[in-house]
Amino acid sequence: MSTMLRTPSEPDIGRPGMSRGSRLLLLGISVLVSVAAVRVLTGANEIDSPGSLRAALVATCPILLAALGGLWSERAGVVNIGLEGQMLFGTWGAAFFTYYYDPYIGLLGAVVCGVFGGLIHAVATVTFGVDHIVSGVALNLIALGATTFLAEAFFADLDSDAGKGGAQQLTGLAKPASITIPGISDAANEIADKHWFVISDIASVVAVLTTRISVVTILVFILLVVTALVLWRTRFGLRLRSCGENPQAAESVGVAVMRHKYIAVLISGGLAGLGGGYLALVSSPGFHTNQTNGRGYIGLAAMIFGNWRPGGILVGSGMFGYTDSLRLRDPGTIHALLLLVSFWLLVFAVWRIVVANRTAHAARGDRATIVALAIGSAAFFAWWALTDSVPRDFTSMTPYVATLFVLAFASQRLRMPAADGQIYRKGSAG
């Protein structure tokens, strides 16, 4: 029975003999050393200072939650374009329940509001067979209008004299607790300020993880681990993923496909709603309308970039979160990053050449990608060498440019669940 539920093997293009965890560790070390080298070479110490990394971590978490929500839904075969709308519901729910109760009830309210958005999407797609893209886009539009209306209805007169309320905002909300580890935090920050090669870069990471880190941030990474364990180490996870690969075959061996799809989409909505709550209670001083600002779509891109895998999603979310935090950095730091981008584009071009040679042939798409990566590397190097700064307007566009850029080059190596986005009718296996 279990053999019928086993999903098709996914392509492994890494180095033979190395586990996925080893490759991620090697990638992390390579990124650390390259960042340290660029920092020392350019003198842009803010590239990975504790303040920069803290901003990047805060920007990463809502994107990561949205990506995890997309992972749950799409592994069950339901495309969830509505992540943006579910996050919007979460922002309002977090603000409303935090104002009347406390931030922890507010986070629970964000999850419940996100689940409500997931329920709308599940009813439309799973029960009534509405096209998944149409349903998701409609949900996003509904959520934007609904949260704007609810903000005007409930927040306009709340403590307006104290500056907390407004027609489209609610500020001054209580925040969840944060944790600082005495001793380690102080030592790490002190070493980071010395700007030593690699050592200070590692100290910056330690400082971020031990200084005023929100309990919600810790919860986000716990949810990442739980998602990986549940979806890939439990019978329930195997059945859920089988619904996204071949629902007819899953139904034929007794899997309740409709129920698993509903569970997946509701969990997806809850995670996205929590991402919205994170935006309202951790990332910013309060709620305002359209607060997600496209992060639901970026989370969807991070999920695709991560090849529908938790580890890849973490890498993609971290990259997009870091680029999202760049708008807070000074122009000199952003200019130095051009050299780092040039280096990694060259590395990826060489890597694609190695992969093509290993398989004894290079497809036309591979050759085009290699050429594009090489040209991009040369262009970014020339930009860094011939200029002294980066326009502020481009900085604000960086997260969206990075999203399009990465997906354009990664698309050939991605494998989505086989039945993702397909309309499923109960009893079709027979």
Protein backbone atom coordinates (compact mmCIF):
# COMPACT_ATOMS: atom_id res chain seq x y z
CA MET A 1 0.00 0.00 0.00
CA SER A 2 2.72 2.44 0.93
CA THR A 3 4.45 2.01 -2.40
CA MET A 4 1.44 3.48 -4.18
CA LEU A 5 1.66 6.60 -2.03
CA ARG A 6 5.36 7.15 -2.51
CA THR A 7 5.99 10.34 -4.38
CA PRO A 8 8.27 10.39 -7.39
CA SER A 9 11.90 10.97 -6.55
CA GLU A 10 12.96 14.56 -6.85
CA PRO A 11 16.06 15.47 -8.79
CA ASP A 12 19.24 15.72 -6.77
CA ILE A 13 21.70 17.93 -8.53
CA GLY A 14 24.07 18.34 -5.63
CA ARG A 15 27.50 16.82 -5.27
CA PRO A 16 27.42 12.99 -5.17
CA GLY A 17 28.01 11.58 -1.69
CA MET A 18 26.90 14.75 0.11
CA SER A 19 23.65 14.90 2.04
CA ARG A 20 21.27 17.81 1.67
CA GLY A 21 22.25 19.03 5.14
CA SER A 22 25.94 18.91 4.26
CA ARG A 23 25.35 20.93 1.11
CA LEU A 24 23.40 23.56 3.06
CA LEU A 25 26.20 23.73 5.64
CA LEU A 26 28.81 24.13 2.90
CA LEU A 27 26.69 26.83 1.29
CA GLY A 28 26.35 28.65 4.60
CA ILE A 29 30.10 28.61 5.21
CA SER A 30 30.76 29.82 1.67
CA VAL A 31 28.33 32.71 2.07
CA LEU A 32 29.89 33.66 5.42
CA VAL A 33 33.43 33.73 4.02
CA SER A 34 32.44 35.62 0.87
CA VAL A 35 30.52 38.24 2.87
CA ALA A 36 33.47 38.67 5.23
CA ALA A 37 35.85 39.08 2.28
CA VAL A 38 33.66 41.73 0.63
CA ARG A 39 33.24 43.55 3.95
CA VAL A 40 36.98 43.73 4.54
CA LEU A 41 37.75 44.62 0.91
CA THR A 42 35.20 47.44 0.67
CA GLY A 43 35.17 48.60 4.29
CA ALA A 44 31.36 48.37 4.36
CA ASN A 45 31.09 46.93 7.85
CA GLU A 46 27.31 47.35 7.92
CA ILE A 47 26.90 44.48 5.44
CA ASP A 48 26.55 41.99 8.30
CA SER A 49 26.65 44.09 11.45
CA PRO A 50 24.32 42.95 14.27
CA GLY A 51 21.91 45.77 13.37
CA SER A 52 21.79 44.77 9.71
CA LEU A 53 21.33 41.07 10.46
CA ARG A 54 18.65 41.84 13.05
CA ALA A 55 16.71 43.85 10.48
CA ALA A 56 17.15 41.05 7.96
CA LEU A 57 15.90 38.45 10.44
CA VAL A 58 12.82 40.50 11.25
CA ALA A 59 12.14 40.95 7.52
CA THR A 60 12.68 37.23 6.87
CA CYS A 61 10.17 35.82 9.37
CA PRO A 62 6.87 36.98 7.77
CA ILE A 63 8.16 35.88 4.35
CA LEU A 64 9.16 32.51 5.81
CA LEU A 65 5.73 32.04 7.39
CA ALA A 66 4.02 32.83 4.10
CA ALA A 67 6.34 30.41 2.30
CA LEU A 68 5.60 27.66 4.83
CA GLY A 69 1.89 28.31 4.33
CA GLY A 70 2.35 27.93 0.58
CA LEU A 71 4.32 24.72 1.15
CA TRP A 72 1.53 23.07 3.15
CA SER A 73 -1.10 24.02 0.60
CA GLU A 74 0.79 23.15 -2.55
CA ARG A 75 2.12 19.86 -1.20
CA ALA A 76 -1.54 18.90 -0.96
CA GLY A 77 -2.16 20.06 -4.54
CA VAL A 78 -3.80 23.46 -3.91
CA VAL A 79 -2.08 26.56 -5.29
CA ASN A 80 -2.44 29.32 -2.70
CA ILE A 81 -2.05 32.68 -4.41
CA GLY A 82 -4.22 33.98 -1.59
CA LEU A 83 -1.32 34.05 0.89
CA GLU A 84 -1.22 37.84 0.57
CA GLY A 85 -4.88 38.14 1.54
CA GLN A 86 -4.53 35.68 4.43
CA MET A 87 -1.61 37.73 5.74
CA LEU A 88 -3.74 40.88 5.50
CA PHE A 89 -6.47 39.23 7.57
CA GLY A 90 -3.75 38.30 10.08
CA THR A 91 -2.52 41.88 10.43
CA TRP A 92 -5.99 43.12 11.33
CA GLY A 93 -6.69 40.19 13.66
CA ALA A 94 -3.43 40.73 15.52
CA ALA A 95 -4.12 44.44 15.99
CA PHE A 96 -7.74 44.01 17.11
CA PHE A 97 -7.16 41.25 19.67
CA THR A 98 -3.92 42.76 20.96
CA TYR A 99 -5.66 46.07 21.64
CA TYR A 100 -8.48 44.44 23.63
CA TYR A 101 -6.51 41.62 25.26
CA ASP A 102 -2.73 41.08 24.94
CA PRO A 103 -0.19 40.33 22.19
CA TYR A 104 -0.40 36.57 22.64
CA ILE A 105 -4.16 36.58 22.18
CA GLY A 106 -3.42 38.91 19.27
CA LEU A 107 -1.17 36.31 17.65
CA LEU A 108 -3.86 33.69 18.15
CA GLY A 109 -6.36 36.08 16.59
CA ALA A 110 -4.03 36.53 13.62
CA VAL A 111 -3.90 32.77 13.14
CA VAL A 112 -7.69 32.47 13.37
CA CYS A 113 -8.21 35.26 10.85
CA GLY A 114 -5.69 33.61 8.52
CA VAL A 115 -7.51 30.28 8.89
CA PHE A 116 -10.72 32.09 7.94
CA GLY A 117 -9.03 33.25 4.73
CA GLY A 118 -7.79 29.71 4.14
CA LEU A 119 -11.32 28.38 4.63
CA ILE A 120 -12.64 30.71 1.93
CA HIS A 121 -9.94 29.48 -0.46
CA ALA A 122 -10.52 25.82 0.45
CA VAL A 123 -14.29 26.02 -0.06
CA ALA A 124 -13.82 27.68 -3.43
CA THR A 125 -11.10 25.39 -4.76
CA VAL A 126 -11.58 22.03 -3.05
CA THR A 127 -15.37 21.92 -2.73
CA PHE A 128 -16.55 23.94 -5.73
CA GLY A 129 -13.58 23.40 -8.04
CA VAL A 130 -12.89 27.07 -8.73
CA ASP A 131 -9.62 27.72 -10.54
CA HIS A 132 -6.96 28.10 -7.85
CA ILE A 133 -5.41 31.24 -9.31
CA VAL A 134 -8.79 32.95 -9.73
CA SER A 135 -9.79 32.09 -6.16
CA GLY A 136 -6.47 33.32 -4.74
CA VAL A 137 -6.54 36.63 -6.59
CA ALA A 138 -10.16 37.17 -5.55
CA LEU A 139 -9.25 36.42 -1.93
CA ASN A 140 -6.45 39.00 -2.03
CA LEU A 141 -8.80 41.67 -3.33
CA ILE A 142 -11.47 40.77 -0.77
CA ALA A 143 -8.94 40.85 2.07
CA LEU A 144 -7.60 44.25 1.08
CA GLY A 145 -11.09 45.75 0.96
CA ALA A 146 -12.28 43.96 4.10
CA THR A 147 -9.31 44.94 6.29
CA THR A 148 -9.53 48.55 5.12
CA PHE A 149 -13.23 48.62 6.00
CA LEU A 150 -12.67 46.90 9.36
CA ALA A 151 -9.88 49.30 10.25
CA GLU A 152 -12.11 52.28 9.55
CA ALA A 153 -14.98 50.69 11.46
CA PHE A 154 -13.06 49.61 14.58
CA PHE A 155 -9.89 51.70 14.85
CA ALA A 156 -10.94 55.21 13.82
CA ASP A 157 -12.07 56.30 17.31
CA LEU A 158 -9.77 54.20 19.51
CA ASP A 159 -7.63 56.40 21.73
CA SER A 160 -7.42 58.99 18.98
CA ASP A 161 -6.25 61.59 21.51
CA ALA A 162 -3.24 59.40 22.35
CA GLY A 163 -2.38 58.95 18.70
CA LYS A 164 -3.09 55.21 18.69
CA GLY A 165 -6.20 55.07 16.55
CA GLY A 166 -6.86 56.18 13.03
CA ALA A 167 -9.04 55.52 10.02
CA GLN A 168 -6.52 53.06 8.63
CA GLN A 169 -4.10 52.29 11.46
CA LEU A 170 -3.67 51.30 15.09
CA THR A 171 -0.34 52.04 16.75
CA GLY A 172 1.15 51.71 20.22
CA LEU A 173 0.25 48.03 20.51
CA ALA A 174 1.88 45.85 23.17
CA LYS A 175 4.59 43.58 21.81
CA PRO A 176 5.45 39.95 22.64
CA ALA A 177 8.38 39.37 24.95
CA SER A 178 11.96 39.30 23.72
CA ILE A 179 14.93 37.35 25.08
CA THR A 180 18.50 38.47 25.73
CA ILE A 181 21.19 36.10 27.02
CA PRO A 182 23.46 38.14 29.32
CA GLY A 183 27.17 37.67 28.90
CA ILE A 184 27.02 35.99 25.52
CA SER A 185 25.14 38.93 24.02
CA ASP A 186 27.60 41.53 25.32
CA ALA A 187 30.67 39.53 24.28
CA ALA A 188 29.31 38.83 20.81
CA ASN A 189 28.46 42.49 20.20
CA GLU A 190 31.92 43.54 21.40
CA ILE A 191 33.70 41.10 19.06
CA ALA A 192 31.44 42.11 16.16
CA ASP A 193 32.51 45.75 16.62
CA LYS A 194 36.18 44.80 16.14
CA HIS A 195 35.53 43.93 12.46
CA TRP A 196 37.84 40.91 12.38
CA PHE A 197 37.75 38.70 9.29
CA VAL A 198 35.15 35.89 9.67
CA ILE A 199 35.37 35.96 13.49
CA SER A 200 33.43 39.22 13.76
CA ASP A 201 30.98 37.99 11.15
CA ILE A 202 30.24 34.90 13.23
CA ALA A 203 29.97 37.11 16.33
CA SER A 204 27.37 39.24 14.55
CA VAL A 205 25.22 36.17 13.98
CA VAL A 206 25.59 35.13 17.64
CA ALA A 207 24.74 38.67 18.77
CA VAL A 208 21.52 38.67 16.75
CA LEU A 209 20.46 35.30 18.19
CA THR A 210 21.16 36.33 21.80
CA THR A 211 20.09 39.99 21.91
CA ARG A 212 16.44 41.08 22.14
CA ILE A 213 15.20 38.24 19.97
CA SER A 214 11.40 38.02 19.96
CA VAL A 215 9.77 34.83 21.19
CA VAL A 216 7.69 34.94 18.01
CA THR A 217 10.88 34.76 15.94
CA ILE A 218 11.87 31.63 17.84
CA LEU A 219 8.38 30.23 17.23
CA VAL A 220 8.77 30.81 13.47
CA PHE A 221 11.83 28.58 13.30
CA ILE A 222 10.18 25.96 15.51
CA LEU A 223 7.31 25.88 13.01
CA LEU A 224 9.83 25.39 10.19
CA VAL A 225 11.26 22.31 11.92
CA VAL A 226 7.79 20.98 12.79
CA THR A 227 6.68 21.40 9.18
CA ALA A 228 9.70 19.44 7.91
CA LEU A 229 9.15 16.64 10.42
CA VAL A 230 5.40 16.35 9.91
CA LEU A 231 5.42 16.44 6.11
CA TRP A 232 8.43 14.15 5.60
CA ARG A 233 8.59 11.96 8.72
CA THR A 234 4.98 11.04 9.48
CA ARG A 235 2.30 8.92 7.87
CA PHE A 236 -0.02 11.92 7.82
CA GLY A 237 2.59 13.92 5.93
CA LEU A 238 3.05 11.12 3.39
CA ARG A 239 -0.68 10.97 2.78
CA LEU A 240 -0.94 14.73 2.46
CA ARG A 241 1.91 14.88 -0.06
CA SER A 242 0.37 12.03 -2.01
CA CYS A 243 -2.71 14.23 -2.50
CA GLY A 244 -0.49 16.72 -4.29
CA GLU A 245 1.23 14.09 -6.44
CA ASN A 246 -1.57 11.73 -7.47
CA PRO A 247 -4.87 12.25 -5.62
CA GLN A 248 -6.63 9.52 -7.61
CA ALA A 249 -4.06 6.93 -6.55
CA ALA A 250 -4.20 8.19 -2.97
CA GLU A 251 -7.99 7.88 -2.92
CA SER A 252 -7.81 4.36 -4.33
CA VAL A 253 -5.87 3.18 -1.26
CA GLY A 254 -8.17 4.85 1.24
CA VAL A 255 -6.72 8.34 1.74
CA ALA A 256 -9.39 10.98 2.47
CA VAL A 257 -8.12 13.38 -0.18
CA MET A 258 -10.69 16.12 0.37
CA ARG A 259 -10.10 16.15 4.12
CA HIS A 260 -6.31 16.32 3.72
CA LYS A 261 -6.63 19.18 1.23
CA TYR A 262 -8.85 21.10 3.62
CA ILE A 263 -6.45 20.55 6.52
CA ALA A 264 -3.49 21.67 4.41
CA VAL A 265 -5.17 24.86 3.20
CA LEU A 266 -6.40 25.77 6.69
CA ILE A 267 -2.90 25.29 8.11
CA SER A 268 -1.59 27.33 5.20
CA GLY A 269 -3.95 30.16 6.06
CA GLY A 270 -3.04 29.98 9.74
CA LEU A 271 0.68 30.26 9.01
CA ALA A 272 0.12 33.16 6.63
CA GLY A 273 -2.11 34.85 9.22
CA LEU A 274 0.65 34.46 11.81
CA GLY A 275 2.97 36.10 9.29
CA GLY A 276 0.59 39.05 9.18
CA GLY A 277 0.51 39.13 12.97
CA TYR A 278 4.31 39.22 12.99
CA LEU A 279 4.23 42.27 10.75
CA ALA A 280 1.83 44.11 13.03
CA LEU A 281 3.34 43.17 16.40
CA VAL A 282 7.06 42.56 15.81
CA SER A 283 8.22 44.12 12.54
CA SER A 284 6.52 47.49 12.99
CA PRO A 285 5.03 49.67 15.76
CA GLY A 286 1.46 48.73 14.86
CA PHE A 287 -1.12 47.99 12.21
CA HIS A 288 -1.85 49.89 9.03
CA THR A 289 -3.85 48.93 5.97
CA ASN A 290 -2.14 47.01 3.15
CA GLN A 291 0.68 46.30 5.59
CA THR A 292 1.91 43.18 3.81
CA ASN A 293 3.08 45.19 0.79
CA GLY A 294 3.48 42.13 -1.43
CA ARG A 295 5.21 39.88 1.13
CA GLY A 296 2.69 37.12 0.50
CA TYR A 297 3.77 37.01 -3.14
CA ILE A 298 7.43 37.12 -2.12
CA GLY A 299 6.76 34.20 0.24
CA LEU A 300 5.25 32.30 -2.66
CA ALA A 301 8.38 33.04 -4.69
CA ALA A 302 10.57 31.86 -1.80
CA MET A 303 8.64 28.58 -1.73
CA ILE A 304 9.15 28.08 -5.46
CA PHE A 305 12.82 29.06 -5.21
CA GLY A 306 13.17 26.52 -2.39
CA ASN A 307 11.77 23.78 -4.65
CA TRP A 308 8.88 23.10 -2.29
CA ARG A 309 11.34 22.00 0.44
CA PRO A 310 11.72 23.48 3.97
CA GLY A 311 15.51 23.89 3.72
CA GLY A 312 15.31 25.62 0.37
CA ILE A 313 12.45 27.78 1.62
CA LEU A 314 14.63 28.94 4.53
CA VAL A 315 17.43 29.94 2.15
CA GLY A 316 15.04 31.72 -0.22
CA SER A 317 13.22 33.54 2.57
CA GLY A 318 16.50 34.64 4.13
CA MET A 319 17.74 36.03 0.83
CA PHE A 320 14.51 37.90 0.15
CA GLY A 321 14.34 39.10 3.76
CA TYR A 322 17.86 40.48 3.57
CA THR A 323 17.11 42.34 0.33
CA ASP A 324 13.90 43.67 1.88
CA SER A 325 15.91 45.13 4.76
CA LEU A 326 18.33 46.90 2.41
CA ARG A 327 16.11 49.97 2.24
CA LEU A 328 17.22 50.68 5.81
CA ARG A 329 20.93 50.58 4.98
CA ASP A 330 23.22 53.38 3.85
CA PRO A 331 24.10 53.67 0.11
CA GLY A 332 27.73 52.62 0.69
CA THR A 333 26.67 49.27 2.12
CA ILE A 334 24.32 48.61 -0.78
CA HIS A 335 27.03 49.56 -3.28
CA ALA A 336 29.41 47.02 -1.70
CA LEU A 337 26.81 44.29 -2.14
CA LEU A 338 27.12 44.68 -5.93
CA LEU A 339 30.53 43.03 -5.68
CA LEU A 340 29.05 40.17 -3.64
CA VAL A 341 26.28 39.64 -6.20
CA SER A 342 28.84 39.63 -9.01
CA PHE A 343 30.88 36.96 -7.24
CA TRP A 344 27.94 34.64 -6.59
CA LEU A 345 26.58 34.97 -10.12
CA LEU A 346 30.01 33.84 -11.34
CA VAL A 347 29.96 30.94 -8.87
CA PHE A 348 26.55 29.83 -10.11
CA ALA A 349 27.72 30.06 -13.73
CA VAL A 350 30.71 27.81 -12.95
CA TRP A 351 28.46 25.44 -11.01
CA ARG A 352 26.07 25.12 -13.95
CA ILE A 353 29.03 24.35 -16.23
CA VAL A 354 30.17 21.60 -13.85
CA VAL A 355 26.66 20.11 -13.68
CA ALA A 356 26.35 20.19 -17.47
CA ASN A 357 29.74 18.47 -17.91
CA ARG A 358 28.84 15.83 -15.33
CA THR A 359 25.74 14.87 -17.30
CA ALA A 360 27.85 14.74 -20.50
CA HIS A 361 25.68 17.22 -22.31
CA ALA A 362 24.34 20.74 -21.95
CA ALA A 363 20.84 21.58 -23.09
CA ARG A 364 20.21 24.80 -24.95
CA GLY A 365 18.51 26.22 -21.85
CA ASP A 366 21.58 25.37 -19.74
CA ARG A 367 23.90 27.16 -22.14
CA ALA A 368 21.63 30.21 -22.22
CA THR A 369 21.50 30.31 -18.42
CA ILE A 370 25.28 30.02 -18.12
CA VAL A 371 25.79 32.88 -20.58
CA ALA A 372 23.18 35.02 -18.80
CA LEU A 373 24.81 34.39 -15.41
CA ALA A 374 28.25 35.29 -16.76
CA ILE A 375 26.94 38.48 -18.36
CA GLY A 376 25.10 39.38 -15.17
CA SER A 377 28.27 38.83 -13.12
CA ALA A 378 30.27 41.09 -15.42
CA ALA A 379 27.54 43.74 -15.38
CA PHE A 380 27.33 43.88 -11.57
CA PHE A 381 31.13 44.00 -11.29
CA ALA A 382 31.26 46.89 -13.76
CA TRP A 383 28.47 48.65 -11.83
CA TRP A 384 30.48 48.31 -8.61
CA ALA A 385 33.79 49.34 -10.18
CA LEU A 386 32.51 52.33 -12.13
CA THR A 387 30.14 53.90 -9.59
CA ASP A 388 30.23 55.05 -5.98
CA SER A 389 26.61 54.60 -4.92
CA VAL A 390 23.27 52.97 -5.75
CA PRO A 391 20.15 55.09 -6.37
CA ARG A 392 17.67 55.01 -3.50
CA ASP A 393 14.83 54.22 -5.90
CA PHE A 394 16.55 51.00 -6.96
CA THR A 395 17.09 50.04 -3.31
CA SER A 396 13.35 50.09 -2.64
CA MET A 397 12.84 47.85 -5.67
CA THR A 398 15.49 45.32 -4.60
CA PRO A 399 13.19 42.65 -3.05
CA TYR A 400 11.01 42.50 -6.14
CA VAL A 401 13.93 42.59 -8.59
CA ALA A 402 15.63 39.79 -6.64
CA THR A 403 12.42 37.74 -6.73
CA LEU A 404 12.13 37.95 -10.51
CA PHE A 405 15.87 37.48 -11.04
CA VAL A 406 16.16 34.34 -8.92
CA LEU A 407 13.05 32.67 -10.30
CA ALA A 408 14.18 33.34 -13.86
CA PHE A 409 17.43 31.44 -13.33
CA ALA A 410 16.15 28.73 -10.98
CA SER A 411 13.04 27.70 -12.90
CA GLN A 412 14.74 24.98 -14.97
CA ARG A 413 15.75 23.01 -11.86
CA LEU A 414 12.42 23.13 -10.04
CA ARG A 415 9.90 20.34 -9.60
CA MET A 416 6.45 21.22 -8.32
CA PRO A 417 4.06 18.54 -6.98
CA ALA A 418 2.66 16.70 -9.99
CA ALA A 419 -1.01 17.47 -9.28
CA ASP A 420 -0.47 20.99 -7.97
CA GLY A 421 -3.27 23.29 -9.11
CA GLN A 422 -5.39 20.56 -10.64
CA ILE A 423 -9.11 20.40 -9.91
CA TYR A 424 -9.92 17.20 -8.02
CA ARG A 425 -13.36 15.61 -7.73
CA LYS A 426 -14.13 13.04 -5.07
CA GLY A 427 -14.64 9.60 -6.56
CA SER A 428 -12.62 10.31 -9.71
CA ALA A 429 -10.30 7.40 -8.90
CA GLY A 430 -13.03 4.97 -9.71
